[in-house]
Amino acid sequence: MFRARTTFPTFVRRLWQEEDGAATAEYAIATLAAVGFAGLLVVILRSEEVRGMLTDVVRHALSIP
């Protein structure tokens, strides 16, 4: 049986359709990673040691020598 050759635009269109939803999945993964990183920062910044270090840095930066 003879099969017609796929034209270039049809080939590109078919490849493009296979990628539908890929950008949405990438955004979802990036959003989950950002939320996880934000949660980690909240846990770290709640500790007394880190809070004290940040307070010392701010006081040192605002002091006039």
C-alpha atoms as a PDB file:
ATOM      1  CA  MET A   1       0.000   0.000   0.000  1.00  0.00           C
ATOM      2  CA  PHE A   2       1.291   3.465  -0.886  1.00  0.00           C
ATOM      3  CA  ARG A   3       1.380   5.993   1.902  1.00  0.00           C
ATOM      4  CA  ALA A   4       1.548   9.685   1.115  1.00  0.00           C
ATOM      5  CA  ARG A   5       4.534  11.479   2.496  1.00  0.00           C
ATOM      6  CA  THR A   6       3.853  13.828   5.433  1.00  0.00           C
ATOM      7  CA  THR A   7       4.533  17.431   4.531  1.00  0.00           C
ATOM      8  CA  PHE A   8       6.802  19.540   6.693  1.00  0.00           C
ATOM      9  CA  PRO A   9       4.086  21.861   8.088  1.00  0.00           C
ATOM     10  CA  THR A  10       1.968  18.835   9.019  1.00  0.00           C
ATOM     11  CA  PHE A  11       4.968  17.260  10.754  1.00  0.00           C
ATOM     12  CA  VAL A  12       5.667  20.454  12.718  1.00  0.00           C
ATOM     13  CA  ARG A  13       1.999  20.799  13.630  1.00  0.00           C
ATOM     14  CA  ARG A  14       1.934  17.229  14.915  1.00  0.00           C
ATOM     15  CA  LEU A  15       5.059  17.821  17.039  1.00  0.00           C
ATOM     16  CA  TRP A  16       3.559  21.026  18.441  1.00  0.00           C
ATOM     17  CA  GLN A  17       0.371  19.231  19.454  1.00  0.00           C
ATOM     18  CA  GLU A  18       2.349  16.605  21.345  1.00  0.00           C
ATOM     19  CA  GLU A  19       3.795  19.359  23.545  1.00  0.00           C
ATOM     20  CA  ASP A  20       0.411  20.743  24.614  1.00  0.00           C
ATOM     21  CA  GLY A  21       0.300  21.051  28.392  1.00  0.00           C
ATOM     22  CA  ALA A  22       4.076  20.848  28.867  1.00  0.00           C
ATOM     23  CA  ALA A  23       4.366  24.521  29.831  1.00  0.00           C
ATOM     24  CA  THR A  24       1.548  24.155  32.353  1.00  0.00           C
ATOM     25  CA  ALA A  25       3.296  21.202  33.973  1.00  0.00           C
ATOM     26  CA  GLU A  26       6.554  23.159  34.136  1.00  0.00           C
ATOM     27  CA  TYR A  27       4.799  26.085  35.808  1.00  0.00           C
ATOM     28  CA  ALA A  28       3.197  23.726  38.319  1.00  0.00           C
ATOM     29  CA  ILE A  29       6.535  22.143  39.212  1.00  0.00           C
ATOM     30  CA  ALA A  30       8.211  25.550  39.533  1.00  0.00           C
ATOM     31  CA  THR A  31       5.361  26.778  41.755  1.00  0.00           C
ATOM     32  CA  LEU A  32       5.658  23.725  44.011  1.00  0.00           C
ATOM     33  CA  ALA A  33       9.413  24.245  44.282  1.00  0.00           C
ATOM     34  CA  ALA A  34       8.909  27.924  45.186  1.00  0.00           C
ATOM     35  CA  VAL A  35       6.353  27.036  47.860  1.00  0.00           C
ATOM     36  CA  GLY A  36       8.703  24.432  49.322  1.00  0.00           C
ATOM     37  CA  PHE A  37      11.573  26.936  49.383  1.00  0.00           C
ATOM     38  CA  ALA A  38       9.363  29.575  51.022  1.00  0.00           C
ATOM     39  CA  GLY A  39       8.302  27.068  53.672  1.00  0.00           C
ATOM     40  CA  LEU A  40      11.924  26.229  54.377  1.00  0.00           C
ATOM     41  CA  LEU A  41      12.767  29.929  54.737  1.00  0.00           C
ATOM     42  CA  VAL A  42       9.900  30.413  57.188  1.00  0.00           C
ATOM     43  CA  VAL A  43      11.157  27.536  59.338  1.00  0.00           C
ATOM     44  CA  ILE A  44      14.722  28.863  59.283  1.00  0.00           C
ATOM     45  CA  LEU A  45      13.758  32.467  60.014  1.00  0.00           C
ATOM     46  CA  ARG A  46      11.624  31.489  63.007  1.00  0.00           C
ATOM     47  CA  SER A  47      14.619  30.156  64.932  1.00  0.00           C
ATOM     48  CA  GLU A  48      16.003  32.428  67.654  1.00  0.00           C
ATOM     49  CA  GLU A  49      19.597  32.143  66.420  1.00  0.00           C
ATOM     50  CA  VAL A  50      18.788  33.363  62.937  1.00  0.00           C
ATOM     51  CA  ARG A  51      16.506  36.089  64.244  1.00  0.00           C
ATOM     52  CA  GLY A  52      19.295  37.311  66.530  1.00  0.00           C
ATOM     53  CA  MET A  53      21.850  37.282  63.714  1.00  0.00           C
ATOM     54  CA  LEU A  54      19.533  39.240  61.424  1.00  0.00           C
ATOM     55  CA  THR A  55      18.803  41.753  64.166  1.00  0.00           C
ATOM     56  CA  ASP A  56      22.539  42.245  64.756  1.00  0.00           C
ATOM     57  CA  VAL A  57      23.135  42.753  61.019  1.00  0.00           C
ATOM     58  CA  VAL A  58      20.380  45.373  60.810  1.00  0.00           C
ATOM     59  CA  ARG A  59      21.583  47.179  63.932  1.00  0.00           C
ATOM     60  CA  HIS A  60      25.155  47.199  62.629  1.00  0.00           C
ATOM     61  CA  ALA A  61      24.013  48.499  59.229  1.00  0.00           C
ATOM     62  CA  LEU A  62      21.944  51.289  60.787  1.00  0.00           C
ATOM     63  CA  SER A  63      24.520  52.389  63.329  1.00  0.00           C
ATOM     64  CA  ILE A  64      26.540  55.508  62.611  1.00  0.00           C
ATOM     65  CA  PRO A  65      30.257  54.949  63.236  1.00  0.00           C
END
